[in-house]
Amino acid sequence: MISTDKRSWKHANGTNVNEPQMLSPPDEMPLSHSLGFNGLATFDSHRLRHFSERSLSGSDNDENLAQMIGTISKKTLFNLTQMLNISFPDYDFSNKKGSSFALVPSYQVVRDICDRYLSPVVDGYTRISYALWDAIDDEIKPLDCMIYRYISSSSEVDPFTEDGVLWHFNYLFHNRNLKRFMMMSCRALHMQNSDEGEADEDWVMD
């Protein structure tokens, strides 16, 4: 955290930092029918790792308090919401609760879903994907990460539910050993709601 983050953390949590919040369950994630996806990617809850596992354990006391599967420490939640705030400055995620996030069972799930979305729409994606996943492995060591996804609320507008979003995915990686976070996100936007792209295109990705 930089100084402004520390001030925001203290203002939001004060001394009450030891109470983990419940995450949303790792439920079925629909794949957009707009790209011809008819199935669902189902998650096996028995494959979930959680904060108390030795391979991911760290020295932070507030992290070690999250002993139950399906919980998130307030510190990790704060860092996830700050990452979203930085990535999407037109929106405010500061008050999001643990239920706005869900654990992703494995890195392979992320790769499979991203590849399935991007392969039909990114020219030469098969070749590009090797460099993409190698870069992610170098920067964040995803096999050592807890991986979350942000869940949009039907009652609020966010970058993933605003008008013109055709499909999207988002994944937030946390490597506790490296003390590093990373977000991987993509949206397909209808051109009538975007300032990017050529006039003869119907949609654009960002």
N, C-alpha and C. Protein backbone atom coordinates (compact mmCIF):
# COMPACT_ATOMS: atom_id res chain seq x y z
N MET A 1 0.83 -1.19 0.00
CA MET A 1 0.00 0.00 0.00
C MET A 1 0.87 1.25 0.00
N ILE A 2 0.48 2.24 -0.79
CA ILE A 2 1.10 3.55 -0.69
C ILE A 2 0.35 4.35 0.37
N SER A 3 0.80 5.57 0.64
CA SER A 3 0.25 6.34 1.77
C SER A 3 -1.25 6.55 1.66
N THR A 4 -1.74 6.87 0.46
CA THR A 4 -3.18 7.11 0.31
C THR A 4 -3.98 5.83 0.55
N ASP A 5 -3.43 4.69 0.13
CA ASP A 5 -4.10 3.41 0.39
C ASP A 5 -4.17 3.12 1.88
N LYS A 6 -3.08 3.39 2.58
CA LYS A 6 -3.06 3.14 4.03
C LYS A 6 -4.10 4.00 4.74
N ARG A 7 -4.21 5.26 4.32
CA ARG A 7 -5.22 6.13 4.94
C ARG A 7 -6.62 5.63 4.65
N SER A 8 -6.85 5.19 3.41
CA SER A 8 -8.17 4.66 3.06
C SER A 8 -8.48 3.39 3.85
N TRP A 9 -7.48 2.54 4.02
CA TRP A 9 -7.65 1.31 4.78
C TRP A 9 -8.01 1.60 6.23
N LYS A 10 -7.29 2.52 6.86
CA LYS A 10 -7.57 2.85 8.25
C LYS A 10 -8.93 3.52 8.40
N HIS A 11 -9.29 4.37 7.44
CA HIS A 11 -10.59 5.05 7.51
C HIS A 11 -11.73 4.06 7.36
N ALA A 12 -11.57 3.08 6.47
CA ALA A 12 -12.65 2.13 6.19
C ALA A 12 -12.80 1.09 7.28
N ASN A 13 -11.69 0.72 7.94
CA ASN A 13 -11.73 -0.42 8.84
C ASN A 13 -11.41 -0.11 10.29
N GLY A 14 -10.71 0.99 10.53
CA GLY A 14 -10.37 1.33 11.90
C GLY A 14 -9.61 0.20 12.56
N THR A 15 -10.07 -0.22 13.72
CA THR A 15 -9.43 -1.32 14.43
C THR A 15 -10.14 -2.65 14.19
N ASN A 16 -11.24 -2.61 13.47
CA ASN A 16 -12.05 -3.82 13.25
C ASN A 16 -11.60 -4.51 11.97
N VAL A 17 -10.42 -5.13 12.01
CA VAL A 17 -9.85 -5.72 10.80
C VAL A 17 -9.78 -7.24 10.86
N ASN A 18 -10.24 -7.83 11.94
CA ASN A 18 -10.03 -9.26 12.15
C ASN A 18 -11.25 -10.11 11.85
N GLU A 19 -12.24 -9.56 11.17
CA GLU A 19 -13.44 -10.31 10.87
C GLU A 19 -13.52 -10.60 9.37
N PRO A 20 -13.24 -11.85 8.95
CA PRO A 20 -13.35 -12.18 7.53
C PRO A 20 -14.79 -12.11 7.06
N GLN A 21 -14.96 -11.86 5.79
CA GLN A 21 -16.29 -11.80 5.19
C GLN A 21 -16.50 -13.01 4.31
N MET A 22 -17.77 -13.35 4.14
CA MET A 22 -18.12 -14.49 3.29
C MET A 22 -18.04 -14.10 1.82
N LEU A 23 -17.46 -14.99 1.04
CA LEU A 23 -17.46 -14.85 -0.41
C LEU A 23 -18.74 -15.46 -0.97
N SER A 24 -19.06 -15.10 -2.21
CA SER A 24 -20.11 -15.81 -2.91
C SER A 24 -19.61 -17.21 -3.25
N PRO A 25 -20.49 -18.19 -3.34
CA PRO A 25 -20.04 -19.54 -3.68
C PRO A 25 -19.52 -19.59 -5.10
N PRO A 26 -18.63 -20.53 -5.40
CA PRO A 26 -18.10 -20.68 -6.76
C PRO A 26 -19.13 -21.34 -7.66
N ASP A 27 -20.16 -20.57 -8.00
CA ASP A 27 -21.29 -21.14 -8.72
C ASP A 27 -20.99 -21.26 -10.20
N GLU A 28 -21.98 -21.73 -10.95
CA GLU A 28 -21.81 -21.89 -12.39
C GLU A 28 -21.63 -20.53 -13.03
N MET A 29 -20.67 -20.46 -13.94
CA MET A 29 -20.41 -19.23 -14.67
C MET A 29 -20.88 -19.37 -16.11
N PRO A 30 -21.90 -18.62 -16.51
CA PRO A 30 -22.38 -18.75 -17.89
C PRO A 30 -21.39 -18.19 -18.88
N LEU A 31 -21.27 -18.86 -20.01
CA LEU A 31 -20.48 -18.34 -21.11
C LEU A 31 -21.43 -17.71 -22.12
N SER A 32 -21.05 -16.55 -22.63
CA SER A 32 -21.95 -15.72 -23.41
C SER A 32 -22.47 -16.43 -24.66
N HIS A 33 -23.78 -16.44 -24.80
CA HIS A 33 -24.37 -17.04 -26.00
C HIS A 33 -24.12 -16.18 -27.22
N SER A 34 -23.70 -14.91 -27.01
CA SER A 34 -23.46 -14.02 -28.15
C SER A 34 -22.30 -14.51 -29.01
N LEU A 35 -21.42 -15.37 -28.46
CA LEU A 35 -20.34 -15.94 -29.25
C LEU A 35 -20.61 -17.40 -29.58
N GLY A 36 -21.86 -17.82 -29.40
CA GLY A 36 -22.21 -19.19 -29.73
C GLY A 36 -21.90 -20.17 -28.64
N PHE A 37 -21.75 -19.70 -27.39
CA PHE A 37 -21.46 -20.61 -26.28
C PHE A 37 -22.79 -21.05 -25.69
N ASN A 38 -23.05 -22.33 -25.70
CA ASN A 38 -24.33 -22.84 -25.23
C ASN A 38 -24.25 -23.51 -23.87
N GLY A 39 -23.02 -23.77 -23.40
CA GLY A 39 -22.87 -24.52 -22.17
C GLY A 39 -22.56 -23.65 -20.98
N LEU A 40 -22.32 -24.32 -19.85
CA LEU A 40 -21.92 -23.66 -18.62
C LEU A 40 -20.60 -24.27 -18.16
N ALA A 41 -19.76 -23.41 -17.60
CA ALA A 41 -18.55 -23.92 -16.98
C ALA A 41 -18.85 -24.16 -15.51
N THR A 42 -18.86 -25.39 -15.09
CA THR A 42 -19.22 -25.69 -13.70
C THR A 42 -17.97 -25.88 -12.88
N PHE A 43 -18.03 -25.44 -11.62
CA PHE A 43 -16.88 -25.47 -10.74
C PHE A 43 -17.05 -26.57 -9.70
N ASP A 44 -16.01 -27.31 -9.47
CA ASP A 44 -16.00 -28.35 -8.45
C ASP A 44 -15.52 -27.75 -7.14
N SER A 45 -16.42 -27.59 -6.19
CA SER A 45 -16.07 -26.93 -4.94
C SER A 45 -15.02 -27.71 -4.15
N HIS A 46 -14.87 -29.00 -4.42
CA HIS A 46 -13.89 -29.79 -3.68
C HIS A 46 -12.47 -29.46 -4.09
N ARG A 47 -12.31 -28.76 -5.21
CA ARG A 47 -10.97 -28.42 -5.66
C ARG A 47 -10.52 -27.07 -5.10
N LEU A 48 -11.38 -26.37 -4.39
CA LEU A 48 -11.03 -25.05 -3.89
C LEU A 48 -9.91 -25.11 -2.87
N ARG A 49 -8.94 -24.21 -3.03
CA ARG A 49 -7.95 -23.99 -2.00
C ARG A 49 -8.46 -22.86 -1.11
N HIS A 50 -7.94 -22.78 0.09
CA HIS A 50 -8.35 -21.66 0.93
C HIS A 50 -7.18 -21.15 1.74
N PHE A 51 -7.42 -20.09 2.50
CA PHE A 51 -6.35 -19.33 3.11
C PHE A 51 -5.50 -20.14 4.08
N SER A 52 -6.04 -21.18 4.66
CA SER A 52 -5.30 -21.91 5.68
C SER A 52 -4.35 -22.95 5.10
N GLU A 53 -4.37 -23.14 3.77
CA GLU A 53 -3.49 -24.14 3.18
C GLU A 53 -2.04 -23.73 3.33
N ARG A 54 -1.18 -24.69 3.65
CA ARG A 54 0.22 -24.40 3.93
C ARG A 54 0.92 -23.74 2.76
N SER A 55 0.63 -24.16 1.54
CA SER A 55 1.33 -23.64 0.39
C SER A 55 1.06 -22.17 0.15
N LEU A 56 -0.03 -21.65 0.71
CA LEU A 56 -0.37 -20.25 0.50
C LEU A 56 -0.31 -19.46 1.79
N SER A 57 0.06 -20.09 2.89
CA SER A 57 0.03 -19.38 4.16
C SER A 57 1.12 -18.34 4.21
N GLY A 58 0.82 -17.25 4.91
CA GLY A 58 1.77 -16.16 5.05
C GLY A 58 1.84 -15.71 6.49
N SER A 59 2.52 -14.60 6.70
CA SER A 59 2.74 -14.12 8.06
C SER A 59 1.71 -13.11 8.50
N ASP A 60 0.88 -12.61 7.59
CA ASP A 60 -0.09 -11.59 7.95
C ASP A 60 -1.15 -12.19 8.86
N ASN A 61 -1.33 -11.61 10.04
CA ASN A 61 -2.27 -12.17 11.01
C ASN A 61 -3.69 -12.16 10.48
N ASP A 62 -4.08 -11.05 9.80
CA ASP A 62 -5.46 -10.97 9.33
C ASP A 62 -5.75 -11.99 8.25
N GLU A 63 -4.73 -12.36 7.47
CA GLU A 63 -4.92 -13.39 6.46
C GLU A 63 -5.13 -14.75 7.13
N ASN A 64 -4.37 -15.02 8.17
CA ASN A 64 -4.45 -16.33 8.82
C ASN A 64 -5.74 -16.51 9.59
N LEU A 65 -6.47 -15.43 9.83
CA LEU A 65 -7.74 -15.54 10.54
C LEU A 65 -8.84 -16.12 9.64
N ALA A 66 -8.62 -16.05 8.33
CA ALA A 66 -9.63 -16.56 7.39
C ALA A 66 -9.44 -18.06 7.24
N GLN A 67 -9.97 -18.83 8.18
CA GLN A 67 -9.73 -20.26 8.24
C GLN A 67 -10.81 -21.06 7.52
N MET A 68 -11.96 -20.47 7.29
CA MET A 68 -13.05 -21.23 6.68
C MET A 68 -13.02 -21.08 5.16
N ILE A 69 -13.31 -22.17 4.47
CA ILE A 69 -13.47 -22.08 3.03
C ILE A 69 -14.62 -21.12 2.73
N GLY A 70 -14.41 -20.25 1.75
CA GLY A 70 -15.47 -19.33 1.37
C GLY A 70 -15.44 -18.02 2.12
N THR A 71 -14.32 -17.68 2.77
CA THR A 71 -14.20 -16.38 3.42
C THR A 71 -13.03 -15.62 2.82
N ILE A 72 -13.03 -14.32 3.05
CA ILE A 72 -11.95 -13.47 2.59
C ILE A 72 -11.61 -12.48 3.69
N SER A 73 -10.34 -12.25 3.94
CA SER A 73 -9.95 -11.29 4.97
C SER A 73 -10.26 -9.88 4.50
N LYS A 74 -10.44 -8.98 5.45
CA LYS A 74 -10.75 -7.60 5.09
C LYS A 74 -9.61 -6.93 4.33
N LYS A 75 -8.39 -7.33 4.68
CA LYS A 75 -7.25 -6.73 3.98
C LYS A 75 -7.23 -7.13 2.51
N THR A 76 -7.45 -8.42 2.25
CA THR A 76 -7.48 -8.86 0.86
C THR A 76 -8.65 -8.23 0.11
N LEU A 77 -9.81 -8.17 0.74
CA LEU A 77 -10.97 -7.54 0.12
C LEU A 77 -10.68 -6.09 -0.22
N PHE A 78 -10.04 -5.38 0.70
CA PHE A 78 -9.69 -3.97 0.45
C PHE A 78 -8.78 -3.86 -0.77
N ASN A 79 -7.78 -4.74 -0.85
CA ASN A 79 -6.85 -4.68 -1.98
C ASN A 79 -7.55 -5.00 -3.31
N LEU A 80 -8.49 -5.92 -3.29
CA LEU A 80 -9.23 -6.24 -4.51
C LEU A 80 -10.06 -5.05 -4.97
N THR A 81 -10.76 -4.41 -4.03
CA THR A 81 -11.59 -3.27 -4.42
C THR A 81 -10.74 -2.09 -4.87
N GLN A 82 -9.57 -1.91 -4.25
CA GLN A 82 -8.68 -0.83 -4.69
C GLN A 82 -8.17 -1.10 -6.10
N MET A 83 -7.89 -2.35 -6.41
CA MET A 83 -7.44 -2.69 -7.75
C MET A 83 -8.52 -2.39 -8.78
N LEU A 84 -9.76 -2.69 -8.46
CA LEU A 84 -10.87 -2.36 -9.36
C LEU A 84 -11.03 -0.85 -9.50
N ASN A 85 -10.87 -0.12 -8.40
CA ASN A 85 -10.98 1.35 -8.46
C ASN A 85 -9.92 1.94 -9.38
N ILE A 86 -8.70 1.42 -9.30
CA ILE A 86 -7.63 1.92 -10.15
C ILE A 86 -7.89 1.58 -11.61
N SER A 87 -8.39 0.38 -11.85
CA SER A 87 -8.62 -0.08 -13.23
C SER A 87 -9.80 0.61 -13.88
N PHE A 88 -10.82 0.94 -13.08
CA PHE A 88 -12.04 1.56 -13.60
C PHE A 88 -12.35 2.81 -12.77
N PRO A 89 -11.62 3.91 -13.02
CA PRO A 89 -11.74 5.10 -12.18
C PRO A 89 -13.11 5.79 -12.25
N ASP A 90 -13.93 5.44 -13.24
CA ASP A 90 -15.26 6.04 -13.34
C ASP A 90 -16.26 5.39 -12.38
N TYR A 91 -15.84 4.35 -11.70
CA TYR A 91 -16.73 3.63 -10.78
C TYR A 91 -16.06 3.54 -9.40
N ASP A 92 -16.89 3.32 -8.39
CA ASP A 92 -16.39 3.21 -7.03
C ASP A 92 -16.76 1.84 -6.46
N PHE A 93 -15.75 1.04 -6.19
CA PHE A 93 -15.95 -0.30 -5.64
C PHE A 93 -15.63 -0.37 -4.15
N SER A 94 -15.39 0.78 -3.53
CA SER A 94 -14.85 0.80 -2.17
C SER A 94 -15.74 0.10 -1.16
N ASN A 95 -17.05 0.13 -1.36
CA ASN A 95 -17.98 -0.43 -0.38
C ASN A 95 -18.43 -1.84 -0.72
N LYS A 96 -17.78 -2.48 -1.67
CA LYS A 96 -18.17 -3.84 -2.03
C LYS A 96 -17.84 -4.81 -0.90
N LYS A 97 -18.72 -5.77 -0.69
CA LYS A 97 -18.55 -6.77 0.35
C LYS A 97 -17.92 -8.04 -0.22
N GLY A 98 -17.61 -8.96 0.67
CA GLY A 98 -17.04 -10.22 0.23
C GLY A 98 -17.93 -10.98 -0.73
N SER A 99 -19.25 -10.80 -0.60
CA SER A 99 -20.19 -11.49 -1.47
C SER A 99 -20.12 -11.01 -2.92
N SER A 100 -19.41 -9.92 -3.17
CA SER A 100 -19.22 -9.44 -4.54
C SER A 100 -18.10 -10.17 -5.26
N PHE A 101 -17.46 -11.11 -4.57
CA PHE A 101 -16.36 -11.87 -5.15
C PHE A 101 -16.57 -13.36 -4.91
N ALA A 102 -16.01 -14.16 -5.79
CA ALA A 102 -16.05 -15.61 -5.64
C ALA A 102 -14.68 -16.17 -5.97
N LEU A 103 -14.30 -17.25 -5.31
CA LEU A 103 -13.05 -17.93 -5.62
C LEU A 103 -13.20 -18.71 -6.93
N VAL A 104 -12.13 -18.72 -7.69
CA VAL A 104 -12.06 -19.54 -8.89
C VAL A 104 -11.26 -20.79 -8.54
N PRO A 105 -11.76 -21.97 -8.86
CA PRO A 105 -11.14 -23.21 -8.38
C PRO A 105 -9.70 -23.41 -8.81
N SER A 106 -9.35 -22.98 -10.02
CA SER A 106 -8.00 -23.27 -10.50
C SER A 106 -7.63 -22.31 -11.62
N TYR A 107 -6.33 -22.20 -11.83
CA TYR A 107 -5.81 -21.39 -12.93
C TYR A 107 -6.24 -21.96 -14.27
N GLN A 108 -6.37 -23.27 -14.37
CA GLN A 108 -6.77 -23.88 -15.63
C GLN A 108 -8.17 -23.43 -16.04
N VAL A 109 -9.05 -23.21 -15.06
CA VAL A 109 -10.39 -22.69 -15.36
C VAL A 109 -10.27 -21.33 -16.03
N VAL A 110 -9.40 -20.47 -15.50
CA VAL A 110 -9.18 -19.15 -16.09
C VAL A 110 -8.70 -19.27 -17.52
N ARG A 111 -7.71 -20.10 -17.74
CA ARG A 111 -7.16 -20.25 -19.08
C ARG A 111 -8.20 -20.78 -20.06
N ASP A 112 -8.96 -21.77 -19.64
CA ASP A 112 -9.95 -22.36 -20.53
C ASP A 112 -11.01 -21.34 -20.94
N ILE A 113 -11.50 -20.56 -19.98
CA ILE A 113 -12.56 -19.60 -20.29
C ILE A 113 -12.02 -18.45 -21.12
N CYS A 114 -10.83 -17.92 -20.77
CA CYS A 114 -10.26 -16.84 -21.57
C CYS A 114 -9.98 -17.29 -23.00
N ASP A 115 -9.41 -18.48 -23.14
CA ASP A 115 -9.13 -18.99 -24.49
C ASP A 115 -10.42 -19.16 -25.28
N ARG A 116 -11.47 -19.61 -24.61
CA ARG A 116 -12.73 -19.87 -25.32
C ARG A 116 -13.37 -18.56 -25.79
N TYR A 117 -13.23 -17.51 -24.98
CA TYR A 117 -13.76 -16.21 -25.40
C TYR A 117 -12.91 -15.59 -26.51
N LEU A 118 -11.60 -15.64 -26.37
CA LEU A 118 -10.72 -14.85 -27.22
C LEU A 118 -10.36 -15.52 -28.54
N SER A 119 -10.36 -16.84 -28.57
CA SER A 119 -9.95 -17.54 -29.79
C SER A 119 -10.76 -17.14 -31.02
N PRO A 120 -12.10 -17.00 -30.92
CA PRO A 120 -12.87 -16.68 -32.13
C PRO A 120 -12.73 -15.23 -32.58
N VAL A 121 -12.22 -14.35 -31.72
CA VAL A 121 -12.31 -12.92 -32.04
C VAL A 121 -10.96 -12.21 -32.12
N VAL A 122 -9.88 -12.85 -31.71
CA VAL A 122 -8.56 -12.25 -31.77
C VAL A 122 -7.75 -12.93 -32.87
N ASP A 123 -7.36 -12.16 -33.87
CA ASP A 123 -6.63 -12.71 -35.00
C ASP A 123 -5.30 -13.29 -34.53
N GLY A 124 -5.04 -14.54 -34.88
CA GLY A 124 -3.80 -15.19 -34.49
C GLY A 124 -3.69 -15.47 -33.01
N TYR A 125 -4.83 -15.67 -32.34
CA TYR A 125 -4.79 -15.84 -30.89
C TYR A 125 -3.99 -17.06 -30.45
N THR A 126 -4.03 -18.14 -31.22
CA THR A 126 -3.30 -19.34 -30.83
C THR A 126 -1.82 -19.04 -30.65
N ARG A 127 -1.27 -18.23 -31.55
CA ARG A 127 0.14 -17.85 -31.43
C ARG A 127 0.35 -16.86 -30.30
N ILE A 128 -0.53 -15.88 -30.18
CA ILE A 128 -0.39 -14.85 -29.15
C ILE A 128 -0.55 -15.43 -27.76
N SER A 129 -1.40 -16.44 -27.63
CA SER A 129 -1.73 -16.97 -26.31
C SER A 129 -0.51 -17.51 -25.58
N TYR A 130 0.44 -18.08 -26.30
CA TYR A 130 1.64 -18.60 -25.64
C TYR A 130 2.39 -17.48 -24.93
N ALA A 131 2.56 -16.35 -25.62
CA ALA A 131 3.25 -15.21 -25.01
C ALA A 131 2.44 -14.63 -23.86
N LEU A 132 1.10 -14.61 -24.00
CA LEU A 132 0.23 -14.09 -22.96
C LEU A 132 0.38 -14.88 -21.67
N TRP A 133 0.21 -16.19 -21.75
CA TRP A 133 0.25 -17.01 -20.54
C TRP A 133 1.66 -17.10 -19.96
N ASP A 134 2.68 -17.03 -20.81
CA ASP A 134 4.06 -17.00 -20.30
C ASP A 134 4.32 -15.73 -19.52
N ALA A 135 3.81 -14.60 -20.03
CA ALA A 135 4.00 -13.32 -19.33
C ALA A 135 3.30 -13.32 -17.99
N ILE A 136 2.08 -13.88 -17.95
CA ILE A 136 1.33 -13.96 -16.70
C ILE A 136 2.07 -14.85 -15.70
N ASP A 137 2.61 -15.95 -16.17
CA ASP A 137 3.36 -16.85 -15.29
C ASP A 137 4.59 -16.15 -14.71
N ASP A 138 5.27 -15.36 -15.53
CA ASP A 138 6.47 -14.65 -15.07
C ASP A 138 6.13 -13.61 -14.01
N GLU A 139 5.02 -12.91 -14.18
CA GLU A 139 4.71 -11.78 -13.32
C GLU A 139 4.03 -12.16 -12.01
N ILE A 140 3.17 -13.17 -12.02
CA ILE A 140 2.31 -13.40 -10.85
C ILE A 140 2.39 -14.82 -10.32
N LYS A 141 3.02 -15.76 -11.06
CA LYS A 141 3.09 -17.16 -10.65
C LYS A 141 1.69 -17.68 -10.28
N PRO A 142 0.81 -17.79 -11.27
CA PRO A 142 -0.61 -18.04 -11.01
C PRO A 142 -0.90 -19.34 -10.26
N LEU A 143 -0.03 -20.34 -10.37
CA LEU A 143 -0.27 -21.59 -9.65
C LEU A 143 -0.11 -21.41 -8.14
N ASP A 144 0.52 -20.31 -7.73
CA ASP A 144 0.67 -20.01 -6.31
C ASP A 144 -0.33 -18.96 -5.83
N CYS A 145 -1.31 -18.64 -6.67
CA CYS A 145 -2.24 -17.54 -6.37
C CYS A 145 -3.58 -18.05 -5.87
N MET A 146 -4.24 -17.19 -5.08
CA MET A 146 -5.68 -17.27 -4.94
C MET A 146 -6.25 -16.45 -6.09
N ILE A 147 -7.28 -16.95 -6.76
CA ILE A 147 -7.86 -16.27 -7.91
C ILE A 147 -9.33 -16.00 -7.61
N TYR A 148 -9.74 -14.76 -7.81
CA TYR A 148 -11.12 -14.34 -7.56
C TYR A 148 -11.73 -13.81 -8.85
N ARG A 149 -13.02 -13.77 -8.87
CA ARG A 149 -13.73 -13.03 -9.93
C ARG A 149 -14.71 -12.08 -9.26
N TYR A 150 -14.85 -10.92 -9.85
CA TYR A 150 -15.81 -9.94 -9.35
C TYR A 150 -17.17 -10.26 -9.93
N ILE A 151 -18.21 -10.22 -9.08
CA ILE A 151 -19.57 -10.54 -9.50
C ILE A 151 -20.37 -9.25 -9.57
N SER A 152 -20.89 -8.94 -10.73
CA SER A 152 -21.69 -7.73 -10.90
C SER A 152 -23.02 -7.87 -10.18
N SER A 153 -23.51 -6.74 -9.68
CA SER A 153 -24.81 -6.69 -9.02
C SER A 153 -25.87 -6.27 -10.02
N SER A 154 -27.00 -6.94 -9.99
CA SER A 154 -28.09 -6.60 -10.91
C SER A 154 -28.72 -5.25 -10.57
N SER A 155 -28.47 -4.75 -9.37
CA SER A 155 -29.08 -3.49 -8.94
C SER A 155 -28.16 -2.29 -9.13
N GLU A 156 -26.91 -2.52 -9.56
CA GLU A 156 -25.96 -1.44 -9.74
C GLU A 156 -25.28 -1.56 -11.09
N VAL A 157 -24.91 -0.40 -11.65
CA VAL A 157 -24.19 -0.39 -12.92
C VAL A 157 -22.69 -0.38 -12.63
N ASP A 158 -21.97 -1.23 -13.31
CA ASP A 158 -20.51 -1.26 -13.19
C ASP A 158 -19.94 -1.47 -14.59
N PRO A 159 -18.63 -1.55 -14.75
CA PRO A 159 -18.06 -1.67 -16.09
C PRO A 159 -18.54 -2.89 -16.87
N PHE A 160 -19.05 -3.89 -16.15
CA PHE A 160 -19.42 -5.14 -16.80
C PHE A 160 -20.92 -5.24 -17.08
N THR A 161 -21.69 -4.29 -16.58
CA THR A 161 -23.14 -4.30 -16.82
C THR A 161 -23.63 -3.03 -17.49
N GLU A 162 -22.73 -2.11 -17.80
CA GLU A 162 -23.16 -0.87 -18.44
C GLU A 162 -23.69 -1.16 -19.84
N ASP A 163 -24.45 -0.23 -20.37
CA ASP A 163 -25.07 -0.42 -21.68
C ASP A 163 -24.01 -0.73 -22.73
N GLY A 164 -24.30 -1.68 -23.57
CA GLY A 164 -23.43 -2.00 -24.69
C GLY A 164 -22.43 -3.10 -24.44
N VAL A 165 -22.34 -3.63 -23.22
CA VAL A 165 -21.41 -4.73 -22.95
C VAL A 165 -22.03 -6.03 -23.48
N LEU A 166 -21.38 -6.64 -24.44
CA LEU A 166 -21.88 -7.87 -25.05
C LEU A 166 -21.46 -9.10 -24.25
N TRP A 167 -20.21 -9.13 -23.82
CA TRP A 167 -19.72 -10.18 -22.94
C TRP A 167 -18.49 -9.66 -22.23
N HIS A 168 -18.12 -10.38 -21.18
CA HIS A 168 -16.96 -9.94 -20.40
C HIS A 168 -16.43 -11.10 -19.57
N PHE A 169 -15.20 -10.94 -19.10
CA PHE A 169 -14.70 -11.78 -18.02
C PHE A 169 -13.74 -10.94 -17.19
N ASN A 170 -13.56 -11.32 -15.94
CA ASN A 170 -12.59 -10.64 -15.09
C ASN A 170 -12.05 -11.63 -14.06
N TYR A 171 -10.74 -11.56 -13.83
CA TYR A 171 -10.09 -12.41 -12.83
C TYR A 171 -9.07 -11.58 -12.07
N LEU A 172 -9.05 -11.75 -10.76
CA LEU A 172 -8.15 -11.00 -9.90
C LEU A 172 -7.25 -12.00 -9.17
N PHE A 173 -5.96 -11.90 -9.43
CA PHE A 173 -4.97 -12.83 -8.89
C PHE A 173 -4.31 -12.20 -7.66
N HIS A 174 -4.08 -13.02 -6.64
CA HIS A 174 -3.36 -12.57 -5.45
C HIS A 174 -2.30 -13.59 -5.09
N ASN A 175 -1.04 -13.19 -5.23
CA ASN A 175 0.07 -14.01 -4.81
C ASN A 175 0.60 -13.44 -3.50
N ARG A 176 0.33 -14.13 -2.42
CA ARG A 176 0.70 -13.62 -1.10
C ARG A 176 2.20 -13.64 -0.88
N ASN A 177 2.88 -14.63 -1.43
CA ASN A 177 4.32 -14.71 -1.26
C ASN A 177 5.04 -13.55 -1.95
N LEU A 178 4.55 -13.18 -3.13
CA LEU A 178 5.14 -12.06 -3.86
C LEU A 178 4.56 -10.71 -3.41
N LYS A 179 3.48 -10.74 -2.61
CA LYS A 179 2.75 -9.53 -2.21
C LYS A 179 2.36 -8.74 -3.44
N ARG A 180 1.71 -9.45 -4.37
CA ARG A 180 1.39 -8.85 -5.66
C ARG A 180 -0.02 -9.24 -6.08
N PHE A 181 -0.71 -8.29 -6.71
CA PHE A 181 -2.03 -8.51 -7.28
C PHE A 181 -1.99 -8.27 -8.78
N MET A 182 -2.87 -8.94 -9.50
CA MET A 182 -2.99 -8.70 -10.93
C MET A 182 -4.44 -8.90 -11.33
N MET A 183 -4.94 -8.06 -12.22
CA MET A 183 -6.27 -8.25 -12.77
C MET A 183 -6.20 -8.53 -14.26
N MET A 184 -6.97 -9.52 -14.70
CA MET A 184 -7.10 -9.84 -16.11
C MET A 184 -8.56 -9.68 -16.48
N SER A 185 -8.83 -8.76 -17.40
CA SER A 185 -10.22 -8.43 -17.71
C SER A 185 -10.37 -8.12 -19.19
N CYS A 186 -11.52 -8.47 -19.74
CA CYS A 186 -11.83 -8.12 -21.12
C CYS A 186 -13.33 -7.89 -21.26
N ARG A 187 -13.69 -6.89 -22.06
CA ARG A 187 -15.10 -6.62 -22.36
C ARG A 187 -15.25 -6.48 -23.87
N ALA A 188 -16.37 -6.95 -24.38
CA ALA A 188 -16.76 -6.68 -25.76
C ALA A 188 -17.87 -5.64 -25.72
N LEU A 189 -17.64 -4.50 -26.39
CA LEU A 189 -18.58 -3.39 -26.33
C LEU A 189 -19.22 -3.15 -27.69
N HIS A 190 -20.52 -2.92 -27.69
CA HIS A 190 -21.21 -2.56 -28.92
C HIS A 190 -20.75 -1.18 -29.36
N MET A 191 -20.48 -1.00 -30.65
CA MET A 191 -19.89 0.23 -31.13
C MET A 191 -20.76 1.46 -30.89
N GLN A 192 -22.06 1.31 -30.80
CA GLN A 192 -22.93 2.45 -30.52
C GLN A 192 -22.65 3.03 -29.14
N ASN A 193 -22.00 2.25 -28.26
CA ASN A 193 -21.71 2.69 -26.91
C ASN A 193 -20.21 2.86 -26.67
N SER A 194 -19.43 2.90 -27.75
CA SER A 194 -17.99 3.03 -27.61
C SER A 194 -17.46 4.10 -28.54
N ASP A 195 -16.41 4.78 -28.10
CA ASP A 195 -15.76 5.80 -28.92
C ASP A 195 -14.59 5.23 -29.71
N GLU A 196 -14.33 3.92 -29.56
CA GLU A 196 -13.18 3.31 -30.21
C GLU A 196 -13.61 2.56 -31.47
N GLY A 197 -12.60 2.21 -32.28
CA GLY A 197 -12.85 1.34 -33.41
C GLY A 197 -13.19 2.09 -34.69
N GLU A 198 -13.33 1.33 -35.76
CA GLU A 198 -13.65 1.88 -37.06
C GLU A 198 -15.16 1.97 -37.24
N ALA A 199 -15.56 2.83 -38.15
CA ALA A 199 -16.99 3.10 -38.34
C ALA A 199 -17.75 1.88 -38.83
N ASP A 200 -17.06 0.98 -39.56
CA ASP A 200 -17.76 -0.16 -40.13
C ASP A 200 -17.72 -1.38 -39.20
N GLU A 201 -17.23 -1.23 -37.98
CA GLU A 201 -17.23 -2.32 -37.02
C GLU A 201 -18.49 -2.25 -36.15
N ASP A 202 -18.98 -3.40 -35.75
CA ASP A 202 -20.16 -3.47 -34.90
C ASP A 202 -19.80 -3.45 -33.42
N TRP A 203 -18.60 -3.94 -33.07
CA TRP A 203 -18.24 -4.03 -31.67
C TRP A 203 -16.71 -3.97 -31.53
N VAL A 204 -16.26 -3.70 -30.31
CA VAL A 204 -14.81 -3.58 -30.05
C VAL A 204 -14.55 -4.18 -28.67
N MET A 205 -13.33 -4.67 -28.45
CA MET A 205 -12.95 -5.21 -27.14
C MET A 205 -12.06 -4.23 -26.41
N ASP A 206 -12.15 -4.22 -25.08
CA ASP A 206 -11.18 -3.47 -24.28
C ASP A 206 -10.80 -4.26 -23.05
